[in-house]
């Protein structure tokens, strides 16, 4: 009788998504009445800055003032508004299955974590005061897919490369249009 692995690709995706959601809800609970509520969808349900710092936000302030280098990893799991987490979860649900298919679950998680930490380190070097979100980890996953598509070749490689190129163009446009 063959044993089923508990650590499946579906489980990993759900674990990442639910961890992001749980930490967002916890940040809102701890923010309490200091949660910023607005009709502007970019700012709806924004946790308090001090709560985000306590929970592991990264940037110049946490690293220089509090020496919290661990924030390079923890900030990848925090989000600054309802729209922020919704977009990142949609991106994760789109990108993670393909990365798991091509690289496996452990490599996907490694790429996600290391790309997130690398993005926050670059933000630190760029003197960003405070930063959070899964965007740099997601961009790392997209970059891995772009590399895979280009290096694999063939019809499948071309399709992956073409799809990820479109995501990169979209991310560039969003980066210039949205504040922060």
Protein backbone atom coordinates (compact mmCIF):
# COMPACT_ATOMS: atom_id res chain seq x y z
CA UNK A 1 0.00 0.00 0.00
CA UNK A 2 1.46 3.31 -1.10
CA UNK A 3 1.52 6.11 1.47
CA UNK A 4 0.00 9.47 0.49
CA UNK A 5 2.12 12.51 1.22
CA UNK A 6 0.49 15.10 3.45
CA UNK A 7 2.60 17.84 1.84
CA UNK A 8 0.90 18.14 -1.56
CA UNK A 9 1.09 21.11 -3.96
CA UNK A 10 -2.55 21.95 -3.17
CA UNK A 11 -1.85 21.89 0.55
CA UNK A 12 1.16 24.19 0.11
CA UNK A 13 -0.82 26.74 -1.91
CA UNK A 14 -3.64 26.72 0.65
CA UNK A 15 -1.13 27.05 3.50
CA UNK A 16 0.47 30.11 1.89
CA UNK A 17 -2.89 31.75 1.11
CA UNK A 18 -4.42 31.00 4.53
CA UNK A 19 -1.30 32.17 6.35
CA UNK A 20 -1.45 35.49 4.47
CA UNK A 21 -5.16 35.85 5.28
CA UNK A 22 -4.71 34.88 8.94
CA UNK A 23 -1.89 37.37 9.47
CA UNK A 24 -3.92 40.10 7.75
CA UNK A 25 -6.89 39.42 10.04
CA UNK A 26 -4.60 39.36 13.09
CA UNK A 27 -3.09 42.70 12.05
CA UNK A 28 -6.59 44.18 11.78
CA UNK A 29 -7.62 42.77 15.17
CA UNK A 30 -4.53 44.19 16.87
CA UNK A 31 -5.03 47.51 15.08
CA UNK A 32 -8.54 47.70 16.54
CA UNK A 33 -9.99 51.18 16.28
CA UNK A 34 -6.72 52.35 14.67
CA UNK A 35 -7.55 50.35 11.54
CA UNK A 36 -7.89 52.81 8.69
CA UNK A 37 -11.28 52.47 6.99
CA UNK A 38 -12.00 54.35 3.79
CA UNK A 39 -14.25 54.24 0.78
CA UNK A 40 -11.09 54.45 -1.32
CA UNK A 41 -10.43 50.79 -2.29
CA UNK A 42 -6.66 51.36 -2.16
CA UNK A 43 -6.87 52.11 1.57
CA UNK A 44 -9.80 50.03 2.78
CA UNK A 45 -8.95 48.14 5.98
CA UNK A 46 -5.38 49.32 6.46
CA UNK A 47 -3.72 47.98 9.64
CA UNK A 48 -1.98 50.41 11.98
CA UNK A 49 1.70 51.03 11.19
CA UNK A 50 2.86 50.14 14.70
CA UNK A 51 1.07 46.79 14.45
CA UNK A 52 2.70 46.03 11.10
CA UNK A 53 6.12 46.93 12.57
CA UNK A 54 5.45 44.65 15.56
CA UNK A 55 4.35 41.79 13.29
CA UNK A 56 7.45 42.00 11.09
CA UNK A 57 7.27 44.78 8.51
CA UNK A 58 10.62 45.50 6.89
CA UNK A 59 12.41 48.63 5.72
CA UNK A 60 14.89 51.18 7.08
CA UNK A 61 13.00 51.79 10.32
CA UNK A 62 12.72 48.18 11.55
CA UNK A 63 16.20 47.18 10.44
CA UNK A 64 18.17 50.26 11.50
CA UNK A 65 16.25 51.23 14.63
CA UNK A 66 15.31 47.76 15.94
CA UNK A 67 17.89 45.50 14.20
CA UNK A 68 15.13 43.17 13.02
CA UNK A 69 16.84 41.55 10.05
CA UNK A 70 14.27 38.75 10.32
CA UNK A 71 11.79 41.25 8.87
CA UNK A 72 13.33 40.48 5.47
CA UNK A 73 11.39 37.19 5.69
CA UNK A 74 8.38 38.11 7.83
CA UNK A 75 7.31 41.15 5.78
CA UNK A 76 6.49 38.79 2.88
CA UNK A 77 3.46 37.58 4.86
CA UNK A 78 1.93 40.96 5.80
CA UNK A 79 -0.38 43.21 3.79
CA UNK A 80 -1.38 46.85 3.97
CA UNK A 81 -5.01 46.84 2.83
CA UNK A 82 -7.86 44.62 1.71
CA UNK A 83 -7.15 45.31 -1.97
CA UNK A 84 -3.43 44.60 -1.43
CA UNK A 85 -4.06 41.13 -0.03
CA UNK A 86 -6.76 40.31 -2.59
CA UNK A 87 -4.46 41.11 -5.53
CA UNK A 88 -1.58 39.16 -4.01
CA UNK A 89 -3.75 36.12 -3.30
CA UNK A 90 -5.11 36.16 -6.85
CA UNK A 91 -1.55 36.33 -8.15
CA UNK A 92 -0.43 33.49 -5.87
CA UNK A 93 -3.34 31.30 -6.99
CA UNK A 94 -2.36 31.93 -10.62
CA UNK A 95 1.43 31.60 -10.41
CA UNK A 96 2.11 29.06 -7.63
CA UNK A 97 0.53 26.00 -9.33
CA UNK A 98 2.62 26.51 -12.47
CA UNK A 99 5.83 27.04 -10.49
CA UNK A 100 5.11 23.91 -8.43
CA UNK A 101 4.48 21.96 -11.65
CA UNK A 102 7.83 22.98 -13.13
CA UNK A 103 10.07 23.27 -10.05
CA UNK A 104 8.34 21.25 -7.31
CA UNK A 105 6.85 22.45 -4.02
CA UNK A 106 10.08 22.85 -2.04
CA UNK A 107 11.82 24.85 -4.77
CA UNK A 108 8.71 26.98 -5.25
CA UNK A 109 8.63 27.80 -1.53
CA UNK A 110 12.37 28.52 -1.56
CA UNK A 111 12.07 30.84 -4.56
CA UNK A 112 9.09 32.62 -2.98
CA UNK A 113 10.86 33.10 0.35
CA UNK A 114 14.28 34.08 -1.02
CA UNK A 115 12.83 36.44 -3.66
CA UNK A 116 10.72 38.09 -0.97
CA UNK A 117 13.74 38.54 1.30
CA UNK A 118 15.80 39.81 -1.63
CA UNK A 119 13.13 42.34 -2.55
CA UNK A 120 12.94 43.63 1.00
CA UNK A 121 16.73 43.87 1.18
CA UNK A 122 16.71 45.97 -2.01
CA UNK A 123 14.01 48.15 -0.44
CA UNK A 124 16.23 48.56 2.61
CA UNK A 125 19.16 49.56 0.40
CA UNK A 126 16.84 51.95 -1.43
CA UNK A 127 16.02 53.62 1.90
CA UNK A 128 12.34 52.62 1.95
CA UNK A 129 11.00 53.53 5.41
CA UNK A 130 8.54 50.64 5.85
CA UNK A 131 7.51 47.89 3.43
CA UNK A 132 5.32 44.77 3.42
CA UNK A 133 3.58 42.38 1.04
CA UNK A 134 4.03 39.26 -1.06
CA UNK A 135 4.76 41.17 -4.26
CA UNK A 136 8.53 40.61 -4.34
CA UNK A 137 8.05 36.88 -3.66
CA UNK A 138 5.46 36.71 -6.43
CA UNK A 139 7.77 38.60 -8.79
CA UNK A 140 10.50 36.05 -7.97
CA UNK A 141 8.14 33.23 -8.93
CA UNK A 142 7.27 35.00 -12.18
CA UNK A 143 10.98 35.51 -12.87
CA UNK A 144 11.61 31.80 -12.31
CA UNK A 145 8.86 30.98 -14.80
CA UNK A 146 10.29 33.44 -17.30
CA UNK A 147 13.69 31.76 -17.00
CA UNK A 148 12.10 28.31 -17.27
CA UNK A 149 10.15 29.25 -20.41
CA UNK A 150 13.15 30.82 -22.12
CA UNK A 151 15.60 28.03 -21.26
CA UNK A 152 13.26 25.08 -21.91
CA UNK A 153 12.34 26.06 -25.43
CA UNK A 154 9.78 24.21 -27.50
CA UNK A 155 6.10 25.01 -27.66
CA UNK A 156 5.50 24.65 -23.90
CA UNK A 157 8.53 26.81 -23.08
CA UNK A 158 7.38 29.44 -25.55
CA UNK A 159 3.87 29.51 -24.03
CA UNK A 160 5.22 29.86 -20.48
CA UNK A 161 7.66 32.58 -21.62
CA UNK A 162 4.93 34.47 -23.47
CA UNK A 163 2.50 34.29 -20.54
CA UNK A 164 5.07 35.44 -17.98
CA UNK A 165 6.25 38.23 -20.27
CA UNK A 166 2.68 39.53 -20.23
CA UNK A 167 2.62 39.39 -16.43
CA UNK A 168 5.89 41.33 -16.25
CA UNK A 169 4.55 44.06 -18.54
CA UNK A 170 1.37 44.26 -16.43
CA UNK A 171 3.40 44.50 -13.22
CA UNK A 172 5.47 47.31 -14.72
CA UNK A 173 2.36 49.25 -15.68
CA UNK A 174 0.76 48.70 -12.25
CA UNK A 175 4.02 49.75 -10.58
CA UNK A 176 3.96 53.09 -12.34
CA UNK A 177 0.22 53.72 -11.91
CA UNK A 178 -0.31 52.78 -8.26
CA UNK A 179 1.25 54.69 -5.37
CA UNK A 180 3.72 52.90 -3.07
